[in-house]
Amino acid sequence: MRNDSGDDDRRKATGRFRGLKESWKPGQSGNPSGRPTGARNKLSEAFLDALVADFHDNGVAAIVACREASPETYIRVIASILPKEITAEFTQRFVARLPEPSETTEEWVARYSPKLQ
């Protein structure tokens, strides 16, 4: 099914060949009368502001009440807040004890190696 303009080949190449007559141009919205820009952010900011204010007033008491009424929920909340991965770096200090010039290697190993029983 090919028309004279060659659009079918272009649609197949871009993955937009499912009976669509026209695809959107770059920067064009598929729903021009959709949610206004920033509407979700305003709701999120208002919710977070209310949550911060409520926590400031009642946070400690709510945590204590949750811990006493439902320890399982309390632990689940703590576990959900903790990071899933922890990256740690360890530095090991190593002090070398070099043999004294008068010692042989065998004498040095005998002095500083653990005694085997």
N, C-alpha and C. Protein backbone atom coordinates (compact mmCIF):
# COMPACT_ATOMS: atom_id res chain seq x y z
N MET A 1 0.84 -1.17 0.00
CA MET A 1 0.00 0.00 0.00
C MET A 1 0.89 1.24 0.00
N ARG A 2 1.08 1.81 -1.16
CA ARG A 2 1.98 2.94 -1.30
C ARG A 2 1.25 4.05 -2.02
N ASN A 3 1.39 5.25 -1.46
CA ASN A 3 0.80 6.38 -2.17
C ASN A 3 1.89 7.08 -2.98
N ASP A 4 1.52 8.07 -3.72
CA ASP A 4 2.46 8.71 -4.64
C ASP A 4 3.52 9.55 -3.93
N SER A 5 3.27 9.97 -2.69
CA SER A 5 4.21 10.87 -2.03
C SER A 5 5.35 10.13 -1.32
N GLY A 6 5.26 8.81 -1.18
CA GLY A 6 6.34 8.05 -0.52
C GLY A 6 6.28 8.13 0.99
N ASP A 7 5.15 8.55 1.58
CA ASP A 7 5.03 8.67 3.04
C ASP A 7 5.11 7.31 3.73
N ASP A 8 4.66 6.24 3.06
CA ASP A 8 4.67 4.92 3.71
C ASP A 8 6.09 4.49 4.06
N ASP A 9 7.02 4.74 3.17
CA ASP A 9 8.42 4.38 3.46
C ASP A 9 8.95 5.18 4.64
N ARG A 10 8.62 6.46 4.70
CA ARG A 10 9.08 7.31 5.81
C ARG A 10 8.46 6.84 7.11
N ARG A 11 7.17 6.50 7.12
CA ARG A 11 6.51 6.05 8.34
C ARG A 11 7.08 4.71 8.81
N LYS A 12 7.38 3.83 7.89
CA LYS A 12 7.98 2.55 8.28
C LYS A 12 9.35 2.78 8.91
N ALA A 13 10.10 3.70 8.36
CA ALA A 13 11.45 3.96 8.87
C ALA A 13 11.41 4.60 10.25
N THR A 14 10.39 5.38 10.56
CA THR A 14 10.32 6.05 11.86
C THR A 14 9.44 5.30 12.85
N GLY A 15 8.85 4.18 12.46
CA GLY A 15 8.01 3.41 13.37
C GLY A 15 6.63 3.99 13.55
N ARG A 16 6.21 4.85 12.64
CA ARG A 16 4.89 5.49 12.77
C ARG A 16 3.94 5.00 11.68
N PHE A 17 3.99 3.74 11.39
CA PHE A 17 3.15 3.19 10.32
C PHE A 17 2.08 2.31 10.93
N ARG A 18 1.06 2.90 11.46
CA ARG A 18 -0.06 2.14 12.01
C ARG A 18 -1.36 2.78 11.57
N GLY A 19 -1.42 3.19 10.34
CA GLY A 19 -2.64 3.78 9.82
C GLY A 19 -2.80 5.24 10.18
N LEU A 20 -1.79 5.86 10.75
CA LEU A 20 -1.88 7.28 11.08
C LEU A 20 -1.75 8.09 9.81
N LYS A 21 -2.59 9.10 9.70
CA LYS A 21 -2.53 9.94 8.51
C LYS A 21 -1.35 10.90 8.60
N GLU A 22 -1.20 11.53 9.71
CA GLU A 22 -0.11 12.50 9.90
C GLU A 22 0.52 12.28 11.26
N SER A 23 1.81 12.43 11.33
CA SER A 23 2.48 12.37 12.62
C SER A 23 2.79 13.80 13.06
N TRP A 24 3.06 13.96 14.35
CA TRP A 24 3.32 15.30 14.86
C TRP A 24 4.69 15.78 14.43
N LYS A 25 4.77 17.05 14.24
CA LYS A 25 6.05 17.66 13.90
C LYS A 25 6.85 17.84 15.20
N PRO A 26 8.17 17.91 15.11
CA PRO A 26 8.98 18.12 16.32
C PRO A 26 8.55 19.38 17.07
N GLY A 27 8.35 19.24 18.38
CA GLY A 27 7.93 20.36 19.21
C GLY A 27 6.43 20.58 19.27
N GLN A 28 5.66 19.81 18.50
CA GLN A 28 4.21 19.95 18.48
C GLN A 28 3.60 18.95 19.45
N SER A 29 2.66 19.41 20.28
CA SER A 29 2.03 18.55 21.27
C SER A 29 0.91 17.74 20.64
N GLY A 30 0.74 16.51 21.12
CA GLY A 30 -0.38 15.68 20.68
C GLY A 30 -1.68 16.08 21.35
N ASN A 31 -1.59 16.88 22.40
CA ASN A 31 -2.78 17.35 23.12
C ASN A 31 -2.59 18.82 23.44
N PRO A 32 -2.84 19.70 22.48
CA PRO A 32 -2.57 21.12 22.70
C PRO A 32 -3.39 21.77 23.80
N SER A 33 -4.54 21.18 24.15
CA SER A 33 -5.34 21.77 25.23
C SER A 33 -5.20 20.96 26.52
N GLY A 34 -4.04 20.33 26.71
CA GLY A 34 -3.78 19.50 27.89
C GLY A 34 -3.45 20.35 29.11
N ARG A 35 -2.85 19.70 30.11
CA ARG A 35 -2.53 20.36 31.37
C ARG A 35 -1.57 21.52 31.11
N PRO A 36 -1.83 22.67 31.72
CA PRO A 36 -0.94 23.82 31.53
C PRO A 36 0.44 23.56 32.12
N THR A 37 1.43 24.20 31.56
CA THR A 37 2.80 24.05 32.04
C THR A 37 2.89 24.50 33.49
N GLY A 38 3.50 23.68 34.34
CA GLY A 38 3.70 24.02 35.74
C GLY A 38 2.54 23.66 36.66
N ALA A 39 1.43 23.17 36.12
CA ALA A 39 0.27 22.86 36.97
C ALA A 39 0.61 21.76 37.98
N ARG A 40 1.30 20.73 37.54
CA ARG A 40 1.67 19.65 38.45
C ARG A 40 2.65 20.16 39.50
N ASN A 41 3.57 21.01 39.11
CA ASN A 41 4.54 21.54 40.06
C ASN A 41 3.85 22.37 41.15
N LYS A 42 2.83 23.14 40.79
CA LYS A 42 2.13 23.95 41.79
C LYS A 42 1.45 23.05 42.82
N LEU A 43 0.81 21.99 42.36
CA LEU A 43 0.16 21.06 43.29
C LEU A 43 1.19 20.38 44.17
N SER A 44 2.29 19.93 43.59
CA SER A 44 3.34 19.27 44.37
C SER A 44 3.92 20.22 45.41
N GLU A 45 4.18 21.45 45.02
CA GLU A 45 4.74 22.41 45.97
C GLU A 45 3.76 22.70 47.10
N ALA A 46 2.48 22.85 46.79
CA ALA A 46 1.49 23.11 47.83
C ALA A 46 1.39 21.92 48.79
N PHE A 47 1.39 20.71 48.24
CA PHE A 47 1.32 19.52 49.08
C PHE A 47 2.54 19.42 49.99
N LEU A 48 3.73 19.62 49.42
CA LEU A 48 4.94 19.52 50.23
C LEU A 48 5.00 20.62 51.29
N ASP A 49 4.54 21.82 50.97
CA ASP A 49 4.51 22.89 51.97
C ASP A 49 3.58 22.52 53.13
N ALA A 50 2.40 21.97 52.81
CA ALA A 50 1.46 21.55 53.85
C ALA A 50 2.04 20.40 54.68
N LEU A 51 2.71 19.48 54.01
CA LEU A 51 3.31 18.35 54.71
C LEU A 51 4.42 18.81 55.65
N VAL A 52 5.25 19.74 55.22
CA VAL A 52 6.31 20.26 56.08
C VAL A 52 5.72 20.98 57.29
N ALA A 53 4.68 21.79 57.06
CA ALA A 53 4.06 22.51 58.17
C ALA A 53 3.44 21.53 59.18
N ASP A 54 2.76 20.49 58.67
CA ASP A 54 2.15 19.51 59.56
C ASP A 54 3.22 18.72 60.32
N PHE A 55 4.29 18.36 59.64
CA PHE A 55 5.36 17.62 60.31
C PHE A 55 6.02 18.48 61.37
N HIS A 56 6.17 19.76 61.08
CA HIS A 56 6.76 20.67 62.06
C HIS A 56 5.92 20.70 63.34
N ASP A 57 4.60 20.69 63.19
CA ASP A 57 3.71 20.74 64.35
C ASP A 57 3.52 19.38 65.02
N ASN A 58 3.41 18.31 64.24
CA ASN A 58 3.00 17.02 64.80
C ASN A 58 3.94 15.86 64.49
N GLY A 59 5.07 16.12 63.85
CA GLY A 59 5.93 15.05 63.36
C GLY A 59 6.42 14.08 64.41
N VAL A 60 6.99 14.58 65.48
CA VAL A 60 7.55 13.70 66.51
C VAL A 60 6.45 12.86 67.15
N ALA A 61 5.32 13.49 67.46
CA ALA A 61 4.20 12.75 68.07
C ALA A 61 3.67 11.68 67.12
N ALA A 62 3.62 11.99 65.82
CA ALA A 62 3.13 11.02 64.84
C ALA A 62 4.08 9.83 64.73
N ILE A 63 5.37 10.10 64.78
CA ILE A 63 6.36 9.01 64.71
C ILE A 63 6.23 8.10 65.93
N VAL A 64 6.10 8.71 67.10
CA VAL A 64 5.95 7.92 68.33
C VAL A 64 4.67 7.10 68.28
N ALA A 65 3.57 7.71 67.84
CA ALA A 65 2.29 6.99 67.77
C ALA A 65 2.38 5.84 66.78
N CYS A 66 3.04 6.03 65.65
CA CYS A 66 3.20 4.96 64.66
C CYS A 66 4.04 3.83 65.23
N ARG A 67 5.12 4.17 65.89
CA ARG A 67 6.00 3.14 66.46
C ARG A 67 5.26 2.32 67.50
N GLU A 68 4.45 2.95 68.33
CA GLU A 68 3.75 2.24 69.40
C GLU A 68 2.55 1.45 68.87
N ALA A 69 1.82 2.01 67.91
CA ALA A 69 0.61 1.35 67.41
C ALA A 69 0.92 0.26 66.39
N SER A 70 1.93 0.49 65.55
CA SER A 70 2.22 -0.47 64.48
C SER A 70 3.72 -0.53 64.22
N PRO A 71 4.44 -1.31 65.00
CA PRO A 71 5.89 -1.39 64.81
C PRO A 71 6.28 -1.88 63.41
N GLU A 72 5.44 -2.75 62.80
CA GLU A 72 5.74 -3.24 61.45
C GLU A 72 5.75 -2.09 60.45
N THR A 73 4.77 -1.21 60.54
CA THR A 73 4.71 -0.06 59.64
C THR A 73 5.87 0.88 59.90
N TYR A 74 6.21 1.06 61.14
CA TYR A 74 7.33 1.93 61.52
C TYR A 74 8.63 1.44 60.88
N ILE A 75 8.89 0.13 60.99
CA ILE A 75 10.11 -0.45 60.41
C ILE A 75 10.05 -0.37 58.88
N ARG A 76 8.88 -0.61 58.29
CA ARG A 76 8.74 -0.55 56.83
C ARG A 76 9.04 0.85 56.31
N VAL A 77 8.58 1.87 57.03
CA VAL A 77 8.84 3.24 56.62
C VAL A 77 10.34 3.54 56.72
N ILE A 78 10.96 3.12 57.79
CA ILE A 78 12.40 3.35 57.94
C ILE A 78 13.16 2.66 56.81
N ALA A 79 12.80 1.42 56.50
CA ALA A 79 13.48 0.67 55.44
C ALA A 79 13.28 1.34 54.08
N SER A 80 12.12 1.94 53.85
CA SER A 80 11.87 2.57 52.56
C SER A 80 12.66 3.87 52.40
N ILE A 81 13.04 4.48 53.50
CA ILE A 81 13.78 5.74 53.45
C ILE A 81 15.28 5.49 53.24
N LEU A 82 15.77 4.37 53.75
CA LEU A 82 17.20 4.07 53.66
C LEU A 82 17.62 3.89 52.21
N PRO A 83 18.85 4.24 51.88
CA PRO A 83 19.32 4.03 50.51
C PRO A 83 19.41 2.54 50.20
N LYS A 84 19.15 2.20 48.94
CA LYS A 84 19.20 0.79 48.54
C LYS A 84 20.63 0.30 48.41
N GLU A 85 21.54 1.19 48.07
CA GLU A 85 22.94 0.83 47.96
C GLU A 85 23.76 1.81 48.77
N ILE A 86 24.79 1.30 49.39
CA ILE A 86 25.69 2.16 50.15
C ILE A 86 27.08 1.97 49.57
N THR A 87 27.70 3.07 49.23
CA THR A 87 29.07 3.02 48.73
C THR A 87 29.99 3.43 49.85
N ALA A 88 30.97 2.58 50.11
CA ALA A 88 31.90 2.87 51.19
C ALA A 88 33.32 2.65 50.69
N GLU A 89 34.20 3.47 51.21
CA GLU A 89 35.60 3.32 50.90
C GLU A 89 36.33 3.03 52.21
N PHE A 90 37.25 2.08 52.16
CA PHE A 90 38.02 1.71 53.32
C PHE A 90 39.49 1.96 53.03
N THR A 91 40.14 2.51 54.00
CA THR A 91 41.58 2.72 53.89
C THR A 91 42.23 1.88 54.97
N GLN A 92 43.15 1.05 54.58
CA GLN A 92 43.82 0.20 55.54
C GLN A 92 45.24 0.73 55.74
N ARG A 93 45.60 0.90 56.98
CA ARG A 93 46.96 1.34 57.29
C ARG A 93 47.83 0.11 57.46
N PHE A 94 48.98 0.17 56.88
CA PHE A 94 49.90 -0.95 56.95
C PHE A 94 51.25 -0.42 57.41
N VAL A 95 51.74 -0.99 58.46
CA VAL A 95 53.05 -0.61 58.97
C VAL A 95 53.99 -1.77 58.70
N ALA A 96 54.98 -1.49 57.93
CA ALA A 96 55.95 -2.54 57.60
C ALA A 96 57.09 -2.51 58.60
N ARG A 97 57.43 -3.67 59.05
CA ARG A 97 58.59 -3.80 59.93
C ARG A 97 59.69 -4.47 59.11
N LEU A 98 60.61 -3.68 58.72
CA LEU A 98 61.71 -4.21 57.91
C LEU A 98 62.73 -4.91 58.80
N PRO A 99 63.36 -5.93 58.25
CA PRO A 99 64.37 -6.61 59.06
C PRO A 99 65.55 -5.68 59.35
N GLU A 100 66.10 -5.87 60.51
CA GLU A 100 67.28 -5.09 60.86
C GLU A 100 68.45 -5.63 60.04
N PRO A 101 69.42 -4.81 59.78
CA PRO A 101 70.52 -5.27 58.93
C PRO A 101 71.22 -6.53 59.44
N SER A 102 71.20 -6.76 60.74
CA SER A 102 71.91 -7.92 61.28
C SER A 102 71.07 -9.19 61.21
N GLU A 103 69.74 -9.08 60.90
CA GLU A 103 68.85 -10.24 60.89
C GLU A 103 68.85 -10.92 59.52
N THR A 104 68.65 -12.20 59.56
CA THR A 104 68.39 -12.92 58.31
C THR A 104 66.88 -12.93 58.09
N THR A 105 66.48 -13.28 56.91
CA THR A 105 65.05 -13.33 56.61
C THR A 105 64.34 -14.34 57.50
N GLU A 106 64.96 -15.47 57.75
CA GLU A 106 64.34 -16.49 58.58
C GLU A 106 64.15 -16.00 60.02
N GLU A 107 65.13 -15.27 60.54
CA GLU A 107 65.02 -14.72 61.90
C GLU A 107 63.87 -13.70 61.97
N TRP A 108 63.77 -12.85 60.93
CA TRP A 108 62.71 -11.83 60.92
C TRP A 108 61.34 -12.48 60.84
N VAL A 109 61.16 -13.49 59.99
CA VAL A 109 59.88 -14.19 59.86
C VAL A 109 59.54 -14.87 61.17
N ALA A 110 60.52 -15.48 61.80
CA ALA A 110 60.27 -16.16 63.08
C ALA A 110 59.84 -15.18 64.16
N ARG A 111 60.40 -13.98 64.15
CA ARG A 111 60.07 -13.01 65.19
C ARG A 111 58.66 -12.40 65.00
N TYR A 112 58.28 -12.08 63.74
CA TYR A 112 57.04 -11.33 63.51
C TYR A 112 55.87 -12.18 63.00
N SER A 113 56.05 -13.40 62.63
CA SER A 113 54.92 -14.20 62.19
C SER A 113 54.23 -14.80 63.41
N PRO A 114 52.93 -15.06 63.30
CA PRO A 114 52.23 -15.63 64.45
C PRO A 114 52.74 -17.04 64.75
N LYS A 115 52.76 -17.38 66.01
CA LYS A 115 53.22 -18.71 66.43
C LYS A 115 52.15 -19.74 66.07
N LEU A 116 52.54 -20.76 65.37
CA LEU A 116 51.61 -21.83 65.01
C LEU A 116 51.64 -22.91 66.09
N GLN A 117 50.49 -23.31 66.51
CA GLN A 117 50.42 -24.32 67.57
C GLN A 117 49.91 -25.63 67.04
